[in-house]
């Protein structure tokens, strides 16, 4: 996986359904980003839609509770969730600031974030 750019937040819209190894992606994301905003079309109300998801190139079929659990196991709190038909929009925030967010250009860590 390529290095992730340093920022306070990550935004994934229409992307997570295409990720084969969500665990690997979210492990990397949790080391860098304090906030994650993402969308996901869960399978809660449409388990029969799996064939259509595959035709669309989607490779995972999570329930909304499973998406939330993926983030919670990485120290994120779900701050907000909005439903738009089969799609959900989430805002997650880390309980602690990831160490990579605190490392400045000099490579040193300042007391309150980037130098």
PDB file of N, CA and C in Angstrom:
ATOM      1  N   UNK A   1       0.847  -1.172   0.000  1.00  0.00           N
ATOM      2  CA  UNK A   1       0.000   0.000   0.000  1.00  0.00           C
ATOM      3  C   UNK A   1       0.897   1.241   0.000  1.00  0.00           C
ATOM      4  N   UNK A   2       0.603   2.237  -0.836  1.00  0.00           N
ATOM      5  CA  UNK A   2       1.429   3.447  -0.863  1.00  0.00           C
ATOM      6  C   UNK A   2       1.258   4.236   0.434  1.00  0.00           C
ATOM      7  N   UNK A   3       2.229   5.091   0.754  1.00  0.00           N
ATOM      8  CA  UNK A   3       2.093   5.916   1.959  1.00  0.00           C
ATOM      9  C   UNK A   3       0.863   6.818   1.837  1.00  0.00           C
ATOM     10  N   UNK A   4       0.191   7.019   2.944  1.00  0.00           N
ATOM     11  CA  UNK A   4      -0.984   7.883   2.951  1.00  0.00           C
ATOM     12  C   UNK A   4      -0.555   9.319   3.230  1.00  0.00           C
ATOM     13  N   UNK A   5      -1.176  10.291   2.562  1.00  0.00           N
ATOM     14  CA  UNK A   5      -0.812  11.686   2.823  1.00  0.00           C
ATOM     15  C   UNK A   5      -1.230  12.087   4.234  1.00  0.00           C
ATOM     16  N   UNK A   6      -0.436  12.937   4.854  1.00  0.00           N
ATOM     17  CA  UNK A   6      -0.757  13.398   6.204  1.00  0.00           C
ATOM     18  C   UNK A   6      -1.851  14.454   6.147  1.00  0.00           C
ATOM     19  N   UNK A   7      -2.847  14.264   6.979  1.00  0.00           N
ATOM     20  CA  UNK A   7      -3.967  15.194   7.097  1.00  0.00           C
ATOM     21  C   UNK A   7      -4.708  14.831   8.370  1.00  0.00           C
ATOM     22  N   UNK A   8      -5.647  15.661   8.765  1.00  0.00           N
ATOM     23  CA  UNK A   8      -6.440  15.349   9.947  1.00  0.00           C
ATOM     24  C   UNK A   8      -7.606  14.429   9.631  1.00  0.00           C
ATOM     25  N   UNK A   9      -8.040  14.418   8.371  1.00  0.00           N
ATOM     26  CA  UNK A   9      -9.229  13.649   8.013  1.00  0.00           C
ATOM     27  C   UNK A   9      -9.034  12.909   6.694  1.00  0.00           C
ATOM     28  N   UNK A  10      -9.745  11.798   6.590  1.00  0.00           N
ATOM     29  CA  UNK A  10      -9.803  11.029   5.342  1.00  0.00           C
ATOM     30  C   UNK A  10     -11.265  10.984   4.909  1.00  0.00           C
ATOM     31  N   UNK A  11     -11.478  10.953   3.597  1.00  0.00           N
ATOM     32  CA  UNK A  11     -12.832  10.916   3.051  1.00  0.00           C
ATOM     33  C   UNK A  11     -12.909   9.813   2.004  1.00  0.00           C
ATOM     34  N   UNK A  12     -13.829   8.880   2.207  1.00  0.00           N
ATOM     35  CA  UNK A  12     -14.046   7.782   1.265  1.00  0.00           C
ATOM     36  C   UNK A  12     -15.513   7.804   0.851  1.00  0.00           C
ATOM     37  N   UNK A  13     -15.782   8.102  -0.392  1.00  0.00           N
ATOM     38  CA  UNK A  13     -17.151   8.104  -0.884  1.00  0.00           C
ATOM     39  C   UNK A  13     -17.231   7.189  -2.094  1.00  0.00           C
ATOM     40  N   UNK A  14     -18.074   6.176  -2.007  1.00  0.00           N
ATOM     41  CA  UNK A  14     -18.208   5.237  -3.113  1.00  0.00           C
ATOM     42  C   UNK A  14     -16.959   4.422  -3.347  1.00  0.00           C
ATOM     43  N   UNK A  15     -16.204   4.158  -2.286  1.00  0.00           N
ATOM     44  CA  UNK A  15     -14.921   3.467  -2.440  1.00  0.00           C
ATOM     45  C   UNK A  15     -14.804   2.183  -1.632  1.00  0.00           C
ATOM     46  N   UNK A  16     -15.315   2.163  -0.419  1.00  0.00           N
ATOM     47  CA  UNK A  16     -15.063   1.026   0.476  1.00  0.00           C
ATOM     48  C   UNK A  16     -15.629  -0.285  -0.049  1.00  0.00           C
ATOM     49  N   UNK A  17     -16.695  -0.220  -0.827  1.00  0.00           N
ATOM     50  CA  UNK A  17     -17.284  -1.444  -1.371  1.00  0.00           C
ATOM     51  C   UNK A  17     -16.346  -2.144  -2.355  1.00  0.00           C
ATOM     52  N   UNK A  18     -15.385  -1.413  -2.879  1.00  0.00           N
ATOM     53  CA  UNK A  18     -14.439  -1.955  -3.864  1.00  0.00           C
ATOM     54  C   UNK A  18     -13.139  -2.464  -3.241  1.00  0.00           C
ATOM     55  N   UNK A  19     -12.976  -2.304  -1.942  1.00  0.00           N
ATOM     56  CA  UNK A  19     -11.717  -2.653  -1.272  1.00  0.00           C
ATOM     57  C   UNK A  19     -11.755  -4.108  -0.821  1.00  0.00           C
ATOM     58  N   UNK A  20     -10.811  -4.902  -1.326  1.00  0.00           N
ATOM     59  CA  UNK A  20     -10.758  -6.326  -0.975  1.00  0.00           C
ATOM     60  C   UNK A  20     -10.344  -6.515   0.478  1.00  0.00           C
ATOM     61  N   UNK A  21      -9.317  -5.805   0.922  1.00  0.00           N
ATOM     62  CA  UNK A  21      -8.796  -5.979   2.281  1.00  0.00           C
ATOM     63  C   UNK A  21      -9.063  -4.724   3.108  1.00  0.00           C
ATOM     64  N   UNK A  22     -10.303  -4.595   3.582  1.00  0.00           N
ATOM     65  CA  UNK A  22     -10.678  -3.432   4.381  1.00  0.00           C
ATOM     66  C   UNK A  22      -9.861  -3.346   5.666  1.00  0.00           C
ATOM     67  N   UNK A  23      -9.555  -4.489   6.262  1.00  0.00           N
ATOM     68  CA  UNK A  23      -8.765  -4.473   7.498  1.00  0.00           C
ATOM     69  C   UNK A  23      -7.416  -3.805   7.274  1.00  0.00           C
ATOM     70  N   UNK A  24      -6.755  -4.153   6.199  1.00  0.00           N
ATOM     71  CA  UNK A  24      -5.435  -3.571   5.904  1.00  0.00           C
ATOM     72  C   UNK A  24      -5.546  -2.063   5.657  1.00  0.00           C
ATOM     73  N   UNK A  25      -6.549  -1.663   4.880  1.00  0.00           N
ATOM     74  CA  UNK A  25      -6.746  -0.243   4.614  1.00  0.00           C
ATOM     75  C   UNK A  25      -7.020   0.517   5.907  1.00  0.00           C
ATOM     76  N   UNK A  26      -7.934   0.010   6.723  1.00  0.00           N
ATOM     77  CA  UNK A  26      -8.302   0.732   7.935  1.00  0.00           C
ATOM     78  C   UNK A  26      -7.194   0.720   8.976  1.00  0.00           C
ATOM     79  N   UNK A  27      -6.360  -0.313   8.989  1.00  0.00           N
ATOM     80  CA  UNK A  27      -5.182  -0.292   9.866  1.00  0.00           C
ATOM     81  C   UNK A  27      -4.271   0.870   9.478  1.00  0.00           C
ATOM     82  N   UNK A  28      -4.045   1.045   8.181  1.00  0.00           N
ATOM     83  CA  UNK A  28      -3.195   2.144   7.704  1.00  0.00           C
ATOM     84  C   UNK A  28      -3.851   3.496   7.988  1.00  0.00           C
ATOM     85  N   UNK A  29      -5.134   3.603   7.725  1.00  0.00           N
ATOM     86  CA  UNK A  29      -5.872   4.847   7.951  1.00  0.00           C
ATOM     87  C   UNK A  29      -5.826   5.237   9.427  1.00  0.00           C
ATOM     88  N   UNK A  30      -5.983   4.268  10.304  1.00  0.00           N
ATOM     89  CA  UNK A  30      -6.040   4.574  11.737  1.00  0.00           C
ATOM     90  C   UNK A  30      -4.706   5.055  12.294  1.00  0.00           C
ATOM     91  N   UNK A  31      -3.616   4.813  11.573  1.00  0.00           N
ATOM     92  CA  UNK A  31      -2.309   5.316  12.004  1.00  0.00           C
ATOM     93  C   UNK A  31      -2.072   6.763  11.599  1.00  0.00           C
ATOM     94  N   UNK A  32      -2.935   7.304  10.744  1.00  0.00           N
ATOM     95  CA  UNK A  32      -2.696   8.641  10.197  1.00  0.00           C
ATOM     96  C   UNK A  32      -3.830   9.622  10.502  1.00  0.00           C
ATOM     97  N   UNK A  33      -5.077   9.196  10.367  1.00  0.00           N
ATOM     98  CA  UNK A  33      -6.192  10.143  10.369  1.00  0.00           C
ATOM     99  C   UNK A  33      -6.990  10.132  11.664  1.00  0.00           C
ATOM    100  N   UNK A  34      -7.270  11.338  12.150  1.00  0.00           N
ATOM    101  CA  UNK A  34      -8.053  11.530  13.367  1.00  0.00           C
ATOM    102  C   UNK A  34      -9.553  11.395  13.081  1.00  0.00           C
ATOM    103  N   UNK A  35      -9.962  11.816  11.896  1.00  0.00           N
ATOM    104  CA  UNK A  35     -11.375  11.780  11.500  1.00  0.00           C
ATOM    105  C   UNK A  35     -11.487  11.052  10.164  1.00  0.00           C
ATOM    106  N   UNK A  36     -12.518  10.214  10.044  1.00  0.00           N
ATOM    107  CA  UNK A  36     -12.812   9.555   8.769  1.00  0.00           C
ATOM    108  C   UNK A  36     -14.284   9.805   8.451  1.00  0.00           C
ATOM    109  N   UNK A  37     -14.522  10.316   7.266  1.00  0.00           N
ATOM    110  CA  UNK A  37     -15.877  10.470   6.745  1.00  0.00           C
ATOM    111  C   UNK A  37     -15.987   9.473   5.602  1.00  0.00           C
ATOM    112  N   UNK A  38     -17.004   8.624   5.651  1.00  0.00           N
ATOM    113  CA  UNK A  38     -17.118   7.610   4.602  1.00  0.00           C
ATOM    114  C   UNK A  38     -18.575   7.251   4.347  1.00  0.00           C
ATOM    115  N   UNK A  39     -18.797   6.722   3.168  1.00  0.00           N
ATOM    116  CA  UNK A  39     -20.115   6.201   2.825  1.00  0.00           C
ATOM    117  C   UNK A  39     -19.988   4.695   2.626  1.00  0.00           C
ATOM    118  N   UNK A  40     -21.108   4.016   2.808  1.00  0.00           N
ATOM    119  CA  UNK A  40     -21.135   2.575   2.557  1.00  0.00           C
ATOM    120  C   UNK A  40     -22.580   2.167   2.287  1.00  0.00           C
ATOM    121  N   UNK A  41     -22.770   1.314   1.308  1.00  0.00           N
ATOM    122  CA  UNK A  41     -24.088   0.746   1.017  1.00  0.00           C
ATOM    123  C   UNK A  41     -24.140  -0.622   1.681  1.00  0.00           C
ATOM    124  N   UNK A  42     -24.723  -0.669   2.862  1.00  0.00           N
ATOM    125  CA  UNK A  42     -24.772  -1.910   3.631  1.00  0.00           C
ATOM    126  C   UNK A  42     -25.781  -2.899   3.088  1.00  0.00           C
ATOM    127  N   UNK A  43     -25.647  -4.138   3.526  1.00  0.00           N
ATOM    128  CA  UNK A  43     -26.530  -5.211   3.060  1.00  0.00           C
ATOM    129  C   UNK A  43     -27.659  -5.504   4.042  1.00  0.00           C
ATOM    130  N   UNK A  44     -27.871  -4.640   5.034  1.00  0.00           N
ATOM    131  CA  UNK A  44     -28.881  -4.886   6.062  1.00  0.00           C
ATOM    132  C   UNK A  44     -30.241  -5.259   5.497  1.00  0.00           C
ATOM    133  N   UNK A  45     -30.725  -4.452   4.579  1.00  0.00           N
ATOM    134  CA  UNK A  45     -32.082  -4.642   4.070  1.00  0.00           C
ATOM    135  C   UNK A  45     -32.128  -5.274   2.688  1.00  0.00           C
ATOM    136  N   UNK A  46     -30.977  -5.714   2.184  1.00  0.00           N
ATOM    137  CA  UNK A  46     -30.960  -6.246   0.824  1.00  0.00           C
ATOM    138  C   UNK A  46     -29.919  -7.345   0.645  1.00  0.00           C
ATOM    139  N   UNK A  47     -30.001  -8.424   1.446  1.00  0.00           N
ATOM    140  CA  UNK A  47     -29.009  -9.489   1.273  1.00  0.00           C
ATOM    141  C   UNK A  47     -29.100 -10.162  -0.096  1.00  0.00           C
ATOM    142  N   UNK A  48     -30.245 -10.038  -0.753  1.00  0.00           N
ATOM    143  CA  UNK A  48     -30.419 -10.635  -2.083  1.00  0.00           C
ATOM    144  C   UNK A  48     -29.740  -9.802  -3.180  1.00  0.00           C
ATOM    145  N   UNK A  49     -29.147  -8.671  -2.820  1.00  0.00           N
ATOM    146  CA  UNK A  49     -28.498  -7.797  -3.799  1.00  0.00           C
ATOM    147  C   UNK A  49     -27.036  -8.163  -4.054  1.00  0.00           C
ATOM    148  N   UNK A  50     -26.534  -9.216  -3.411  1.00  0.00           N
ATOM    149  CA  UNK A  50     -25.123  -9.590  -3.570  1.00  0.00           C
ATOM    150  C   UNK A  50     -24.762  -9.818  -5.039  1.00  0.00           C
ATOM    151  N   UNK A  51     -25.551 -10.554  -5.833  1.00  0.00           N
ATOM    152  CA  UNK A  51     -25.182 -10.719  -7.249  1.00  0.00           C
ATOM    153  C   UNK A  51     -25.062  -9.381  -7.992  1.00  0.00           C
ATOM    154  N   UNK A  52     -25.959  -8.447  -7.701  1.00  0.00           N
ATOM    155  CA  UNK A  52     -25.884  -7.128  -8.345  1.00  0.00           C
ATOM    156  C   UNK A  52     -24.645  -6.369  -7.881  1.00  0.00           C
ATOM    157  N   UNK A  53     -24.281  -6.533  -6.612  1.00  0.00           N
ATOM    158  CA  UNK A  53     -23.068  -5.889  -6.099  1.00  0.00           C
ATOM    159  C   UNK A  53     -21.837  -6.420  -6.842  1.00  0.00           C
ATOM    160  N   UNK A  54     -21.798  -7.727  -7.073  1.00  0.00           N
ATOM    161  CA  UNK A  54     -20.655  -8.318  -7.789  1.00  0.00           C
ATOM    162  C   UNK A  54     -20.587  -7.805  -9.229  1.00  0.00           C
ATOM    163  N   UNK A  55     -21.745  -7.716  -9.877  1.00  0.00           N
ATOM    164  CA  UNK A  55     -21.765  -7.192 -11.249  1.00  0.00           C
ATOM    165  C   UNK A  55     -21.250  -5.755 -11.290  1.00  0.00           C
ATOM    166  N   UNK A  56     -21.469  -5.022 -10.213  1.00  0.00           N
ATOM    167  CA  UNK A  56     -20.986  -3.647 -10.131  1.00  0.00           C
ATOM    168  C   UNK A  56     -19.539  -3.538  -9.685  1.00  0.00           C
ATOM    169  N   UNK A  57     -18.908  -4.685  -9.418  1.00  0.00           N
ATOM    170  CA  UNK A  57     -17.509  -4.676  -9.015  1.00  0.00           C
ATOM    171  C   UNK A  57     -17.289  -4.582  -7.517  1.00  0.00           C
ATOM    172  N   UNK A  58     -18.362  -4.592  -6.740  1.00  0.00           N
ATOM    173  CA  UNK A  58     -18.216  -4.519  -5.287  1.00  0.00           C
ATOM    174  C   UNK A  58     -17.735  -5.864  -4.768  1.00  0.00           C
ATOM    175  N   UNK A  59     -16.804  -5.839  -3.840  1.00  0.00           N
ATOM    176  CA  UNK A  59     -16.163  -7.082  -3.393  1.00  0.00           C
ATOM    177  C   UNK A  59     -16.447  -7.433  -1.939  1.00  0.00           C
ATOM    178  N   UNK A  60     -17.169  -6.585  -1.217  1.00  0.00           N
ATOM    179  CA  UNK A  60     -17.518  -6.932   0.164  1.00  0.00           C
ATOM    180  C   UNK A  60     -18.980  -6.598   0.428  1.00  0.00           C
ATOM    181  N   UNK A  61     -19.537  -7.245   1.406  1.00  0.00           N
ATOM    182  CA  UNK A  61     -20.975  -7.162   1.673  1.00  0.00           C
ATOM    183  C   UNK A  61     -21.213  -7.057   3.174  1.00  0.00           C
ATOM    184  N   UNK A  62     -20.950  -5.899   3.722  1.00  0.00           N
ATOM    185  CA  UNK A  62     -21.063  -5.720   5.163  1.00  0.00           C
ATOM    186  C   UNK A  62     -22.404  -5.121   5.556  1.00  0.00           C
ATOM    187  N   UNK A  63     -22.844  -5.484   6.745  1.00  0.00           N
ATOM    188  CA  UNK A  63     -23.974  -4.805   7.361  1.00  0.00           C
ATOM    189  C   UNK A  63     -23.433  -3.514   7.973  1.00  0.00           C
ATOM    190  N   UNK A  64     -24.309  -2.566   8.204  1.00  0.00           N
ATOM    191  CA  UNK A  64     -23.891  -1.286   8.781  1.00  0.00           C
ATOM    192  C   UNK A  64     -23.215  -1.505  10.136  1.00  0.00           C
ATOM    193  N   UNK A  65     -23.748  -2.412  10.932  1.00  0.00           N
ATOM    194  CA  UNK A  65     -23.137  -2.695  12.240  1.00  0.00           C
ATOM    195  C   UNK A  65     -21.712  -3.221  12.088  1.00  0.00           C
ATOM    196  N   UNK A  66     -21.432  -3.939  11.012  1.00  0.00           N
ATOM    197  CA  UNK A  66     -20.077  -4.452  10.772  1.00  0.00           C
ATOM    198  C   UNK A  66     -19.119  -3.335  10.358  1.00  0.00           C
ATOM    199  N   UNK A  67     -19.625  -2.372   9.600  1.00  0.00           N
ATOM    200  CA  UNK A  67     -18.794  -1.222   9.223  1.00  0.00           C
ATOM    201  C   UNK A  67     -18.413  -0.445  10.483  1.00  0.00           C
ATOM    202  N   UNK A  68     -19.395  -0.188  11.325  1.00  0.00           N
ATOM    203  CA  UNK A  68     -19.127   0.534  12.572  1.00  0.00           C
ATOM    204  C   UNK A  68     -18.123  -0.234  13.421  1.00  0.00           C
ATOM    205  N   UNK A  69     -18.284  -1.544  13.522  1.00  0.00           N
ATOM    206  CA  UNK A  69     -17.363  -2.369  14.317  1.00  0.00           C
ATOM    207  C   UNK A  69     -15.935  -2.311  13.779  1.00  0.00           C
ATOM    208  N   UNK A  70     -15.770  -2.268  12.454  1.00  0.00           N
ATOM    209  CA  UNK A  70     -14.424  -2.157  11.868  1.00  0.00           C
ATOM    210  C   UNK A  70     -13.710  -0.907  12.373  1.00  0.00           C
ATOM    211  N   UNK A  71     -14.444   0.182  12.494  1.00  0.00           N
ATOM    212  CA  UNK A  71     -13.846   1.425  12.978  1.00  0.00           C
ATOM    213  C   UNK A  71     -13.675   1.409  14.495  1.00  0.00           C
ATOM    214  N   UNK A  72     -14.660   0.890  15.206  1.00  0.00           N
ATOM    215  CA  UNK A  72     -14.565   0.861  16.670  1.00  0.00           C
ATOM    216  C   UNK A  72     -13.377   0.036  17.148  1.00  0.00           C
ATOM    217  N   UNK A  73     -13.057  -1.045  16.463  1.00  0.00           N
ATOM    218  CA  UNK A  73     -11.909  -1.857  16.881  1.00  0.00           C
ATOM    219  C   UNK A  73     -10.591  -1.125  16.654  1.00  0.00           C
ATOM    220  N   UNK A  74     -10.633  -0.028  15.914  1.00  0.00           N
ATOM    221  CA  UNK A  74      -9.428   0.780  15.660  1.00  0.00           C
ATOM    222  C   UNK A  74      -9.483   2.097  16.426  1.00  0.00           C
ATOM    223  N   UNK A  75     -10.265   2.128  17.505  1.00  0.00           N
ATOM    224  CA  UNK A  75     -10.308   3.262  18.428  1.00  0.00           C
ATOM    225  C   UNK A  75     -11.083   4.463  17.885  1.00  0.00           C
ATOM    226  N   UNK A  76     -11.966   4.244  16.910  1.00  0.00           N
ATOM    227  CA  UNK A  76     -12.796   5.331  16.393  1.00  0.00           C
ATOM    228  C   UNK A  76     -14.170   5.299  17.060  1.00  0.00           C
ATOM    229  N   UNK A  77     -14.711   6.487  17.299  1.00  0.00           N
ATOM    230  CA  UNK A  77     -16.074   6.625  17.796  1.00  0.00           C
ATOM    231  C   UNK A  77     -16.975   7.054  16.640  1.00  0.00           C
ATOM    232  N   UNK A  78     -18.145   6.429  16.490  1.00  0.00           N
ATOM    233  CA  UNK A  78     -19.073   6.910  15.463  1.00  0.00           C
ATOM    234  C   UNK A  78     -19.746   8.186  15.970  1.00  0.00           C
ATOM    235  N   UNK A  79     -19.501   9.308  15.307  1.00  0.00           N
ATOM    236  CA  UNK A  79     -20.080  10.583  15.731  1.00  0.00           C
ATOM    237  C   UNK A  79     -21.426  10.842  15.086  1.00  0.00           C
ATOM    238  N   UNK A  80     -21.561  10.418  13.835  1.00  0.00           N
ATOM    239  CA  UNK A  80     -22.790  10.700  13.111  1.00  0.00           C
ATOM    240  C   UNK A  80     -22.998   9.668  12.013  1.00  0.00           C
ATOM    241  N   UNK A  81     -24.279   9.393  11.737  1.00  0.00           N
ATOM    242  CA  UNK A  81     -24.630   8.500  10.635  1.00  0.00           C
ATOM    243  C   UNK A  81     -25.916   9.028  10.004  1.00  0.00           C
ATOM    244  N   UNK A  82     -25.905   9.171   8.702  1.00  0.00           N
ATOM    245  CA  UNK A  82     -27.084   9.601   7.943  1.00  0.00           C
ATOM    246  C   UNK A  82     -27.405   8.523   6.925  1.00  0.00           C
ATOM    247  N   UNK A  83     -28.678   8.214   6.779  1.00  0.00           N
ATOM    248  CA  UNK A  83     -29.115   7.211   5.811  1.00  0.00           C
ATOM    249  C   UNK A  83     -29.667   7.893   4.569  1.00  0.00           C
ATOM    250  N   UNK A  84     -29.265   7.386   3.405  1.00  0.00           N
ATOM    251  CA  UNK A  84     -29.749   7.864   2.110  1.00  0.00           C
ATOM    252  C   UNK A  84     -30.106   6.636   1.290  1.00  0.00           C
ATOM    253  N   UNK A  85     -31.341   6.153   1.423  1.00  0.00           N
ATOM    254  CA  UNK A  85     -31.725   4.908   0.761  1.00  0.00           C
ATOM    255  C   UNK A  85     -30.867   3.781   1.293  1.00  0.00           C
ATOM    256  N   UNK A  86     -30.220   3.010   0.419  1.00  0.00           N
ATOM    257  CA  UNK A  86     -29.380   1.906   0.897  1.00  0.00           C
ATOM    258  C   UNK A  86     -27.996   2.374   1.364  1.00  0.00           C
ATOM    259  N   UNK A  87     -27.699   3.651   1.176  1.00  0.00           N
ATOM    260  CA  UNK A  87     -26.375   4.178   1.511  1.00  0.00           C
ATOM    261  C   UNK A  87     -26.388   4.842   2.882  1.00  0.00           C
ATOM    262  N   UNK A  88     -25.267   4.751   3.557  1.00  0.00           N
ATOM    263  CA  UNK A  88     -25.084   5.416   4.840  1.00  0.00           C
ATOM    264  C   UNK A  88     -23.845   6.285   4.754  1.00  0.00           C
ATOM    265  N   UNK A  89     -23.918   7.444   5.384  1.00  0.00           N
ATOM    266  CA  UNK A  89     -22.776   8.342   5.478  1.00  0.00           C
ATOM    267  C   UNK A  89     -22.376   8.410   6.943  1.00  0.00           C
ATOM    268  N   UNK A  90     -21.101   8.175   7.219  1.00  0.00           N
ATOM    269  CA  UNK A  90     -20.592   8.121   8.584  1.00  0.00           C
ATOM    270  C   UNK A  90     -19.548   9.192   8.821  1.00  0.00           C
ATOM    271  N   UNK A  91     -19.475   9.628  10.072  1.00  0.00           N
ATOM    272  CA  UNK A  91     -18.351  10.429  10.553  1.00  0.00           C
ATOM    273  C   UNK A  91     -17.818   9.702  11.779  1.00  0.00           C
ATOM    274  N   UNK A  92     -16.539   9.320  11.715  1.00  0.00           N
ATOM    275  CA  UNK A  92     -15.867   8.656  12.828  1.00  0.00           C
ATOM    276  C   UNK A  92     -14.726   9.543  13.315  1.00  0.00           C
ATOM    277  N   UNK A  93     -14.480   9.527  14.631  1.00  0.00           N
ATOM    278  CA  UNK A  93     -13.360  10.274  15.197  1.00  0.00           C
ATOM    279  C   UNK A  93     -12.584   9.368  16.141  1.00  0.00           C
ATOM    280  N   UNK A  94     -11.264   9.423  16.032  1.00  0.00           N
ATOM    281  CA  UNK A  94     -10.408   8.634  16.920  1.00  0.00           C
ATOM    282  C   UNK A  94     -10.514   9.158  18.343  1.00  0.00           C
ATOM    283  N   UNK A  95     -10.455   8.246  19.313  1.00  0.00           N
ATOM    284  CA  UNK A  95     -10.432   8.639  20.720  1.00  0.00           C
ATOM    285  C   UNK A  95      -9.124   9.345  21.046  1.00  0.00           C
ATOM    286  N   UNK A  96      -8.052   8.929  20.377  1.00  0.00           N
ATOM    287  CA  UNK A  96      -6.743   9.557  20.548  1.00  0.00           C
ATOM    288  C   UNK A  96      -6.239   9.983  19.179  1.00  0.00           C
ATOM    289  N   UNK A  97      -5.372  10.975  19.147  1.00  0.00           N
ATOM    290  CA  UNK A  97      -4.820  11.439  17.874  1.00  0.00           C
ATOM    291  C   UNK A  97      -3.736  10.475  17.422  1.00  0.00           C
ATOM    292  N   UNK A  98      -3.813   9.965  16.189  1.00  0.00           N
ATOM    293  CA  UNK A  98      -2.794   9.038  15.682  1.00  0.00           C
ATOM    294  C   UNK A  98      -1.411   9.684  15.688  1.00  0.00           C
ATOM    295  N   UNK A  99      -0.397   8.920  16.024  1.00  0.00           N
ATOM    296  CA  UNK A  99       0.968   9.429  16.131  1.00  0.00           C
ATOM    297  C   UNK A  99       1.451  10.050  14.832  1.00  0.00           C
ATOM    298  N   UNK A 100       1.096   9.496  13.677  1.00  0.00           N
ATOM    299  CA  UNK A 100       1.570  10.046  12.405  1.00  0.00           C
ATOM    300  C   UNK A 100       0.989  11.430  12.140  1.00  0.00           C
ATOM    301  N   UNK A 101      -0.160  11.761  12.749  1.00  0.00           N
ATOM    302  CA  UNK A 101      -0.730  13.097  12.594  1.00  0.00           C
ATOM    303  C   UNK A 101       0.068  14.125  13.374  1.00  0.00           C
ATOM    304  N   UNK A 102       0.822  13.680  14.376  1.00  0.00           N
ATOM    305  CA  UNK A 102       1.583  14.587  15.229  1.00  0.00           C
ATOM    306  C   UNK A 102       3.001  14.824  14.735  1.00  0.00           C
ATOM    307  N   UNK A 103       3.445  14.060  13.754  1.00  0.00           N
ATOM    308  CA  UNK A 103       4.827  14.171  13.301  1.00  0.00           C
ATOM    309  C   UNK A 103       4.935  15.272  12.260  1.00  0.00           C
ATOM    310  N   UNK A 104       5.760  16.251  12.534  1.00  0.00           N
ATOM    311  CA  UNK A 104       5.940  17.385  11.631  1.00  0.00           C
ATOM    312  C   UNK A 104       6.905  17.066  10.512  1.00  0.00           C
ATOM    313  N   UNK A 105       7.138  18.037   9.657  1.00  0.00           N
ATOM    314  CA  UNK A 105       8.037  17.856   8.513  1.00  0.00           C
ATOM    315  C   UNK A 105       9.444  17.508   8.962  1.00  0.00           C
ATOM    316  N   UNK A 106       9.824  17.988  10.146  1.00  0.00           N
ATOM    317  CA  UNK A 106      11.167  17.700  10.645  1.00  0.00           C
ATOM    318  C   UNK A 106      11.281  16.271  11.156  1.00  0.00           C
ATOM    319  N   UNK A 107      10.141  15.597  11.259  1.00  0.00           N
ATOM    320  CA  UNK A 107      10.147  14.231  11.768  1.00  0.00           C
ATOM    321  C   UNK A 107      10.010  14.162  13.272  1.00  0.00           C
ATOM    322  N   UNK A 108       9.900  15.324  13.925  1.00  0.00           N
ATOM    323  CA  UNK A 108       9.753  15.324  15.378  1.00  0.00           C
ATOM    324  C   UNK A 108       8.300  15.564  15.753  1.00  0.00           C
ATOM    325  N   UNK A 109       7.970  15.167  16.946  1.00  0.00           N
ATOM    326  CA  UNK A 109       6.607  15.302  17.429  1.00  0.00           C
ATOM    327  C   UNK A 109       6.538  16.517  18.335  1.00  0.00           C
ATOM    328  N   UNK A 110       5.624  17.429  18.034  1.00  0.00           N
ATOM    329  CA  UNK A 110       5.435  18.585  18.899  1.00  0.00           C
ATOM    330  C   UNK A 110       4.431  18.234  19.979  1.00  0.00           C
ATOM    331  N   UNK A 111       4.351  19.086  20.983  1.00  0.00           N
ATOM    332  CA  UNK A 111       3.466  18.813  22.109  1.00  0.00           C
ATOM    333  C   UNK A 111       2.002  18.793  21.695  1.00  0.00           C
ATOM    334  N   UNK A 112       1.608  19.682  20.796  1.00  0.00           N
ATOM    335  CA  UNK A 112       0.210  19.727  20.383  1.00  0.00           C
ATOM    336  C   UNK A 112       0.045  19.564  18.877  1.00  0.00           C
ATOM    337  N   UNK A 113       0.753  18.641  18.313  1.00  0.00           N
ATOM    338  CA  UNK A 113       0.527  18.314  16.913  1.00  0.00           C
ATOM    339  C   UNK A 113       1.679  18.690  16.020  1.00  0.00           C
ATOM    340  N   UNK A 114       1.361  19.121  14.808  1.00  0.00           N
ATOM    341  CA  UNK A 114       2.387  19.421  13.813  1.00  0.00           C
ATOM    342  C   UNK A 114       3.197  20.644  14.191  1.00  0.00           C
ATOM    343  N   UNK A 115       4.485  20.603  13.902  1.00  0.00           N
ATOM    344  CA  UNK A 115       5.351  21.772  14.100  1.00  0.00           C
ATOM    345  C   UNK A 115       5.230  22.673  12.909  1.00  0.00           C
TER     346      UNK A 115
END
